[in-house]
N, C-alpha and C. Protein backbone atom coordinates (compact mmCIF):
# COMPACT_ATOMS: atom_id res chain seq x y z
N UNK A 1 38.64 -9.28 -111.26
CA UNK A 1 38.07 -10.59 -111.43
C UNK A 1 36.83 -10.69 -110.54
N UNK A 2 35.70 -11.05 -111.10
CA UNK A 2 34.49 -11.23 -110.31
C UNK A 2 34.44 -12.67 -109.80
N UNK A 3 33.50 -12.92 -108.91
CA UNK A 3 33.39 -14.24 -108.32
C UNK A 3 33.21 -15.31 -109.39
N UNK A 4 32.38 -15.05 -110.37
CA UNK A 4 32.11 -16.02 -111.42
C UNK A 4 33.30 -16.28 -112.32
N UNK A 5 34.29 -15.39 -112.32
CA UNK A 5 35.46 -15.54 -113.17
C UNK A 5 36.66 -16.09 -112.40
N UNK A 6 36.45 -16.62 -111.22
CA UNK A 6 37.54 -17.11 -110.40
C UNK A 6 38.29 -18.23 -111.10
N UNK A 7 39.46 -18.56 -110.56
CA UNK A 7 40.33 -19.55 -111.17
C UNK A 7 39.82 -20.97 -110.99
N UNK A 8 38.83 -21.20 -110.18
CA UNK A 8 38.35 -22.57 -109.98
C UNK A 8 37.32 -22.93 -111.03
N UNK A 9 37.32 -24.21 -111.40
CA UNK A 9 36.36 -24.67 -112.41
C UNK A 9 35.02 -24.94 -111.74
N UNK A 10 33.97 -24.80 -112.52
CA UNK A 10 32.64 -25.04 -111.98
C UNK A 10 32.43 -26.52 -111.63
N UNK A 11 33.07 -27.40 -112.39
CA UNK A 11 32.86 -28.83 -112.16
C UNK A 11 33.45 -29.29 -110.84
N UNK A 12 34.62 -28.83 -110.51
CA UNK A 12 35.30 -29.40 -109.35
C UNK A 12 35.20 -28.54 -108.09
N UNK A 13 35.08 -27.23 -108.23
CA UNK A 13 35.06 -26.33 -107.09
C UNK A 13 36.30 -26.47 -106.21
N UNK A 14 37.39 -26.99 -106.78
CA UNK A 14 38.64 -27.14 -106.06
C UNK A 14 39.55 -25.98 -106.45
N UNK A 15 40.13 -25.33 -105.45
CA UNK A 15 41.04 -24.22 -105.71
C UNK A 15 42.35 -24.80 -106.25
N UNK A 16 42.77 -24.38 -107.47
CA UNK A 16 43.92 -24.99 -108.12
C UNK A 16 45.29 -24.51 -107.62
N UNK A 17 45.35 -23.33 -107.00
CA UNK A 17 46.65 -22.82 -106.59
C UNK A 17 46.50 -21.85 -105.43
N UNK A 18 47.64 -21.42 -104.89
CA UNK A 18 47.62 -20.47 -103.81
C UNK A 18 47.58 -21.14 -102.45
N UNK A 19 47.42 -20.35 -101.41
CA UNK A 19 47.47 -20.90 -100.06
C UNK A 19 46.34 -21.89 -99.73
N UNK A 20 45.27 -21.84 -100.48
CA UNK A 20 44.15 -22.75 -100.25
C UNK A 20 44.07 -23.85 -101.31
N UNK A 21 45.19 -24.08 -102.00
CA UNK A 21 45.23 -25.10 -103.06
C UNK A 21 44.69 -26.42 -102.54
N UNK A 22 43.81 -27.02 -103.35
CA UNK A 22 43.24 -28.31 -103.02
C UNK A 22 41.99 -28.25 -102.15
N UNK A 23 41.68 -27.08 -101.62
CA UNK A 23 40.48 -26.94 -100.78
C UNK A 23 39.26 -26.80 -101.67
N UNK A 24 38.16 -27.34 -101.21
CA UNK A 24 36.90 -27.28 -101.96
C UNK A 24 36.09 -26.09 -101.49
N UNK A 25 35.53 -25.37 -102.43
CA UNK A 25 34.66 -24.24 -102.15
C UNK A 25 33.21 -24.72 -102.17
N UNK A 26 32.48 -24.39 -101.13
CA UNK A 26 31.06 -24.74 -101.08
C UNK A 26 30.30 -23.52 -100.58
N UNK A 27 29.36 -23.06 -101.38
CA UNK A 27 28.56 -21.89 -101.01
C UNK A 27 27.36 -22.30 -100.18
N UNK A 28 26.96 -21.41 -99.30
CA UNK A 28 25.74 -21.61 -98.53
C UNK A 28 24.55 -21.58 -99.49
N UNK A 29 23.45 -22.23 -99.13
CA UNK A 29 22.28 -22.23 -100.02
C UNK A 29 21.66 -20.84 -100.16
N UNK A 30 20.84 -20.70 -101.18
CA UNK A 30 20.13 -19.43 -101.42
C UNK A 30 18.62 -19.65 -101.45
N UNK A 31 18.16 -20.75 -100.91
CA UNK A 31 16.74 -21.10 -100.94
C UNK A 31 15.86 -19.99 -100.38
N UNK A 32 16.21 -19.45 -99.22
CA UNK A 32 15.39 -18.42 -98.58
C UNK A 32 15.59 -17.05 -99.23
N UNK A 33 16.80 -16.74 -99.65
CA UNK A 33 17.04 -15.49 -100.36
C UNK A 33 16.19 -15.45 -101.62
N UNK A 34 16.09 -16.60 -102.29
CA UNK A 34 15.32 -16.67 -103.53
C UNK A 34 13.83 -16.37 -103.33
N UNK A 35 13.32 -16.52 -102.10
CA UNK A 35 11.92 -16.20 -101.81
C UNK A 35 11.67 -14.69 -101.83
N UNK A 36 12.74 -13.91 -101.66
CA UNK A 36 12.62 -12.45 -101.56
C UNK A 36 13.47 -11.74 -102.61
N UNK A 37 13.49 -12.27 -103.83
CA UNK A 37 14.34 -11.71 -104.89
C UNK A 37 14.08 -10.22 -105.10
N UNK A 38 12.83 -9.84 -105.28
CA UNK A 38 12.52 -8.43 -105.55
C UNK A 38 12.89 -7.54 -104.38
N UNK A 39 12.54 -7.95 -103.17
CA UNK A 39 12.89 -7.17 -101.98
C UNK A 39 14.40 -7.08 -101.85
N UNK A 40 15.09 -8.20 -102.06
CA UNK A 40 16.54 -8.23 -101.94
C UNK A 40 17.24 -7.34 -102.95
N UNK A 41 16.80 -7.37 -104.19
CA UNK A 41 17.42 -6.53 -105.22
C UNK A 41 17.20 -5.05 -104.91
N UNK A 42 15.98 -4.69 -104.52
CA UNK A 42 15.69 -3.30 -104.17
C UNK A 42 16.53 -2.87 -102.96
N UNK A 43 16.59 -3.72 -101.95
CA UNK A 43 17.34 -3.44 -100.73
C UNK A 43 18.82 -3.20 -101.05
N UNK A 44 19.43 -4.10 -101.80
CA UNK A 44 20.85 -3.97 -102.10
C UNK A 44 21.14 -2.70 -102.90
N UNK A 45 20.24 -2.31 -103.77
CA UNK A 45 20.41 -1.09 -104.55
C UNK A 45 20.22 0.15 -103.68
N UNK A 46 19.13 0.18 -102.92
CA UNK A 46 18.82 1.38 -102.14
C UNK A 46 19.73 1.56 -100.93
N UNK A 47 20.12 0.48 -100.28
CA UNK A 47 20.93 0.59 -99.07
C UNK A 47 22.42 0.66 -99.41
N UNK A 48 22.88 -0.18 -100.32
CA UNK A 48 24.32 -0.27 -100.60
C UNK A 48 24.73 0.26 -101.97
N UNK A 49 23.75 0.60 -102.82
CA UNK A 49 24.08 1.10 -104.15
C UNK A 49 24.62 0.02 -105.07
N UNK A 50 24.27 -1.25 -104.79
CA UNK A 50 24.76 -2.37 -105.58
C UNK A 50 23.69 -2.87 -106.54
N UNK A 51 24.04 -2.94 -107.81
CA UNK A 51 23.12 -3.41 -108.84
C UNK A 51 23.02 -4.94 -108.80
N UNK A 52 21.88 -5.51 -109.23
CA UNK A 52 21.79 -6.97 -109.33
C UNK A 52 22.94 -7.51 -110.17
N UNK A 53 23.53 -8.58 -109.69
CA UNK A 53 24.69 -9.18 -110.37
C UNK A 53 26.01 -8.63 -109.87
N UNK A 54 25.96 -7.58 -109.06
CA UNK A 54 27.17 -6.97 -108.53
C UNK A 54 27.51 -7.43 -107.13
N UNK A 55 26.84 -8.45 -106.66
CA UNK A 55 27.06 -8.95 -105.30
C UNK A 55 26.60 -10.40 -105.24
N UNK A 56 26.99 -11.08 -104.19
CA UNK A 56 26.55 -12.45 -103.94
C UNK A 56 26.01 -12.50 -102.52
N UNK A 57 24.76 -12.90 -102.38
CA UNK A 57 24.21 -13.10 -101.04
C UNK A 57 23.63 -14.51 -100.97
N UNK A 58 23.74 -15.10 -99.79
CA UNK A 58 23.20 -16.43 -99.53
C UNK A 58 22.28 -16.35 -98.32
N UNK A 59 21.73 -17.49 -97.94
CA UNK A 59 20.85 -17.53 -96.77
C UNK A 59 21.60 -17.16 -95.49
N UNK A 60 22.91 -17.23 -95.50
CA UNK A 60 23.71 -16.91 -94.32
C UNK A 60 24.32 -15.52 -94.36
N UNK A 61 24.06 -14.74 -95.40
CA UNK A 61 24.62 -13.39 -95.51
C UNK A 61 24.02 -12.47 -94.46
N UNK A 62 24.84 -11.55 -93.99
CA UNK A 62 24.37 -10.61 -92.97
C UNK A 62 24.82 -9.20 -93.31
N UNK A 63 24.27 -8.24 -92.57
CA UNK A 63 24.66 -6.85 -92.75
C UNK A 63 26.16 -6.68 -92.55
N UNK A 64 26.73 -7.44 -91.63
CA UNK A 64 28.15 -7.32 -91.33
C UNK A 64 29.02 -7.62 -92.55
N UNK A 65 28.50 -8.40 -93.50
CA UNK A 65 29.24 -8.71 -94.72
C UNK A 65 29.42 -7.47 -95.59
N UNK A 66 28.65 -6.42 -95.34
CA UNK A 66 28.67 -5.24 -96.19
C UNK A 66 29.15 -3.98 -95.47
N UNK A 67 29.69 -4.15 -94.26
CA UNK A 67 30.27 -3.00 -93.56
C UNK A 67 31.38 -2.44 -94.43
N UNK A 68 31.41 -1.15 -94.58
CA UNK A 68 32.42 -0.50 -95.41
C UNK A 68 31.92 -0.16 -96.80
N UNK A 69 30.85 -0.81 -97.26
CA UNK A 69 30.27 -0.45 -98.55
C UNK A 69 29.69 0.95 -98.40
N UNK A 70 30.00 1.81 -99.32
CA UNK A 70 29.57 3.21 -99.25
C UNK A 70 30.06 3.86 -97.95
N UNK A 71 31.18 3.35 -97.40
CA UNK A 71 31.79 3.88 -96.17
C UNK A 71 30.86 3.85 -94.96
N UNK A 72 29.92 2.92 -94.93
CA UNK A 72 28.98 2.84 -93.82
C UNK A 72 29.47 1.84 -92.77
N UNK A 73 29.16 2.15 -91.51
CA UNK A 73 29.36 1.20 -90.42
C UNK A 73 28.00 0.62 -90.06
N UNK A 74 27.95 -0.26 -89.06
CA UNK A 74 26.68 -0.92 -88.72
C UNK A 74 25.60 0.08 -88.32
N UNK A 75 25.97 1.09 -87.54
CA UNK A 75 24.99 2.10 -87.13
C UNK A 75 24.45 2.84 -88.36
N UNK A 76 25.33 3.20 -89.26
CA UNK A 76 24.92 3.88 -90.48
C UNK A 76 24.01 3.03 -91.35
N UNK A 77 24.32 1.74 -91.44
CA UNK A 77 23.50 0.83 -92.23
C UNK A 77 22.10 0.72 -91.62
N UNK A 78 22.04 0.51 -90.31
CA UNK A 78 20.73 0.39 -89.65
C UNK A 78 19.93 1.68 -89.76
N UNK A 79 20.58 2.82 -89.63
CA UNK A 79 19.88 4.10 -89.77
C UNK A 79 19.32 4.27 -91.18
N UNK A 80 20.12 3.88 -92.17
CA UNK A 80 19.66 4.00 -93.55
C UNK A 80 18.46 3.08 -93.82
N UNK A 81 18.51 1.86 -93.29
CA UNK A 81 17.39 0.92 -93.44
C UNK A 81 16.13 1.48 -92.79
N UNK A 82 16.29 2.04 -91.59
CA UNK A 82 15.14 2.61 -90.89
C UNK A 82 14.57 3.79 -91.68
N UNK A 83 15.43 4.62 -92.24
CA UNK A 83 14.98 5.77 -93.01
C UNK A 83 14.25 5.35 -94.28
N UNK A 84 14.79 4.37 -94.99
CA UNK A 84 14.20 3.93 -96.26
C UNK A 84 12.93 3.11 -96.06
N UNK A 85 13.01 2.14 -95.15
CA UNK A 85 11.93 1.15 -95.02
C UNK A 85 11.03 1.36 -93.80
N UNK A 86 11.37 2.31 -92.95
CA UNK A 86 10.60 2.60 -91.75
C UNK A 86 10.42 1.36 -90.88
N UNK A 87 11.48 0.56 -90.77
CA UNK A 87 11.49 -0.56 -89.84
C UNK A 87 12.69 -0.38 -88.91
N UNK A 88 12.48 -0.73 -87.66
CA UNK A 88 13.52 -0.57 -86.65
C UNK A 88 14.18 -1.92 -86.40
N UNK A 89 15.48 -1.99 -86.64
CA UNK A 89 16.20 -3.24 -86.45
C UNK A 89 16.93 -3.29 -85.11
N UNK A 90 16.79 -2.27 -84.29
CA UNK A 90 17.52 -2.25 -83.03
C UNK A 90 17.03 -3.30 -82.05
N UNK A 91 15.83 -3.84 -82.27
CA UNK A 91 15.30 -4.87 -81.39
C UNK A 91 15.78 -6.26 -81.77
N UNK A 92 16.54 -6.37 -82.82
CA UNK A 92 16.98 -7.66 -83.34
C UNK A 92 18.48 -7.85 -83.14
N UNK A 93 18.86 -8.97 -82.59
CA UNK A 93 20.27 -9.31 -82.50
C UNK A 93 20.78 -9.77 -83.86
N UNK A 94 19.91 -10.41 -84.62
CA UNK A 94 20.31 -10.95 -85.91
C UNK A 94 20.47 -9.84 -86.94
N UNK A 95 21.45 -9.99 -87.75
CA UNK A 95 21.68 -9.06 -88.86
C UNK A 95 21.52 -9.80 -90.17
N UNK A 96 20.91 -10.98 -90.12
CA UNK A 96 20.74 -11.83 -91.28
C UNK A 96 19.87 -11.13 -92.33
N UNK A 97 20.34 -11.12 -93.57
CA UNK A 97 19.60 -10.43 -94.63
C UNK A 97 18.25 -11.06 -94.90
N UNK A 98 18.15 -12.38 -94.86
CA UNK A 98 16.86 -13.03 -95.12
C UNK A 98 15.82 -12.56 -94.10
N UNK A 99 16.21 -12.48 -92.82
CA UNK A 99 15.28 -12.02 -91.80
C UNK A 99 14.88 -10.57 -92.04
N UNK A 100 15.81 -9.76 -92.47
CA UNK A 100 15.51 -8.35 -92.76
C UNK A 100 14.59 -8.26 -93.97
N UNK A 101 14.87 -9.04 -95.02
CA UNK A 101 14.01 -9.04 -96.20
C UNK A 101 12.59 -9.47 -95.83
N UNK A 102 12.46 -10.46 -94.94
CA UNK A 102 11.14 -10.92 -94.51
C UNK A 102 10.40 -9.81 -93.77
N UNK A 103 11.11 -9.05 -92.93
CA UNK A 103 10.48 -7.94 -92.21
C UNK A 103 10.04 -6.84 -93.18
N UNK A 104 10.86 -6.55 -94.16
CA UNK A 104 10.50 -5.54 -95.17
C UNK A 104 9.27 -6.01 -95.93
N UNK A 105 9.27 -7.27 -96.35
CA UNK A 105 8.13 -7.83 -97.08
C UNK A 105 6.86 -7.75 -96.25
N UNK A 106 6.96 -8.12 -94.98
CA UNK A 106 5.79 -8.08 -94.10
C UNK A 106 5.29 -6.65 -93.92
N UNK A 107 6.22 -5.69 -93.78
CA UNK A 107 5.83 -4.28 -93.61
C UNK A 107 5.13 -3.75 -94.88
N UNK A 108 5.61 -4.19 -96.04
CA UNK A 108 5.04 -3.74 -97.31
C UNK A 108 3.73 -4.41 -97.65
N UNK A 109 3.69 -5.74 -97.47
CA UNK A 109 2.58 -6.52 -97.99
C UNK A 109 1.74 -7.22 -96.93
N UNK A 110 2.17 -7.19 -95.68
CA UNK A 110 1.48 -7.92 -94.62
C UNK A 110 1.88 -9.37 -94.62
N UNK A 111 1.35 -10.09 -93.68
CA UNK A 111 1.67 -11.52 -93.56
C UNK A 111 0.92 -12.31 -94.62
N UNK A 112 1.58 -13.36 -95.14
CA UNK A 112 0.85 -14.20 -96.09
C UNK A 112 -0.30 -14.91 -95.38
N UNK A 113 -1.40 -15.12 -96.09
CA UNK A 113 -2.57 -15.76 -95.48
C UNK A 113 -2.51 -17.25 -95.55
């Protein structure tokens, strides 16, 4: 079952059964992720081997959400990002994907004028 096929209805977002019965599901916004759609799709494919539509990321998603994908740990993920994109993430405490996408975009295209 994929996320979109879950047992909750789109209208109510209320979980109908199970231990979280009656709880409302609310997703974090994707406003900033949407600014980097192309970078994000390429990143998810090249780093994690995930095709568009095969994952859900929001403005609050981080590298830690994908530990274990392709059997990688955080060090492996950062090394792969550095190898692919030639950016060093060791100077950053944040593992937020939006921040990483912004750094990749800046490295590729420079700062917007």
